[in-house]
Amino acid sequence: MQLSEGKLIAPDGTAEPLEQAVSRVTKGPLEVYAEHIPQGLPPASMEKVYQG
């Protein structure tokens, strides 16, 4: 899944507005966590963050 221009976009290109997708999941607050690995770092970098 990708988030682009306020829409969730599936690998097959199907898109849905984020607000509509979230409303199907919950009518209350939604807590979101994001992780980012800067360009040039290996994918295992995030695992190392959680290992201390």
Protein backbone atom coordinates (compact mmCIF):
# COMPACT_ATOMS: atom_id res chain seq x y z
CA MET A 1 0.00 0.00 0.00
CA GLN A 2 1.06 3.54 -0.71
CA LEU A 3 -0.33 6.84 0.50
CA SER A 4 -0.42 9.47 -2.22
CA GLU A 5 -2.44 12.66 -2.54
CA GLY A 6 -4.70 11.67 0.36
CA LYS A 7 -5.50 8.25 -1.07
CA LEU A 8 -4.45 4.71 -0.19
CA ILE A 9 -3.30 2.98 -3.35
CA ALA A 10 -3.09 -0.81 -3.63
CA PRO A 11 -0.46 -2.60 -5.74
CA ASP A 12 -3.11 -3.22 -8.42
CA GLY A 13 -3.77 0.54 -8.68
CA THR A 14 -7.08 0.51 -6.83
CA ALA A 15 -7.37 3.73 -4.82
CA GLU A 16 -9.53 4.86 -1.92
CA PRO A 17 -9.56 8.18 -0.07
CA LEU A 18 -7.76 7.82 3.27
CA GLU A 19 -10.71 9.26 5.20
CA GLN A 20 -13.05 6.64 3.72
CA ALA A 21 -10.65 3.77 4.48
CA VAL A 22 -10.13 4.89 8.08
CA SER A 23 -13.88 5.28 8.67
CA ARG A 24 -14.36 1.59 7.77
CA VAL A 25 -11.84 0.59 10.44
CA THR A 26 -12.90 2.75 13.38
CA LYS A 27 -15.32 5.47 14.35
CA GLY A 28 -12.95 6.69 17.07
CA PRO A 29 -9.35 7.89 17.16
CA LEU A 30 -6.73 6.14 15.08
CA GLU A 31 -3.12 6.05 16.29
CA VAL A 32 -0.47 5.74 13.60
CA TYR A 33 3.24 4.99 13.82
CA ALA A 34 5.63 5.56 10.93
CA GLU A 35 9.14 4.32 10.39
CA HIS A 36 11.61 5.72 7.92
CA ILE A 37 14.95 4.33 6.87
CA PRO A 38 17.02 7.10 5.25
CA GLN A 39 18.33 6.42 1.77
CA GLY A 40 21.65 4.61 1.82
CA LEU A 41 21.08 2.70 5.06
CA PRO A 42 20.50 -1.06 4.93
CA PRO A 43 16.96 -2.41 5.58
CA ALA A 44 18.20 -4.00 8.84
CA SER A 45 18.74 -0.51 10.28
CA MET A 46 15.21 -0.41 11.74
CA GLU A 47 15.69 -3.79 13.42
CA LYS A 48 18.79 -2.42 15.14
CA VAL A 49 16.79 0.52 16.54
CA TYR A 50 14.43 -1.88 18.30
CA GLN A 51 17.27 -4.07 19.58
CA GLY A 52 18.83 -1.09 21.36
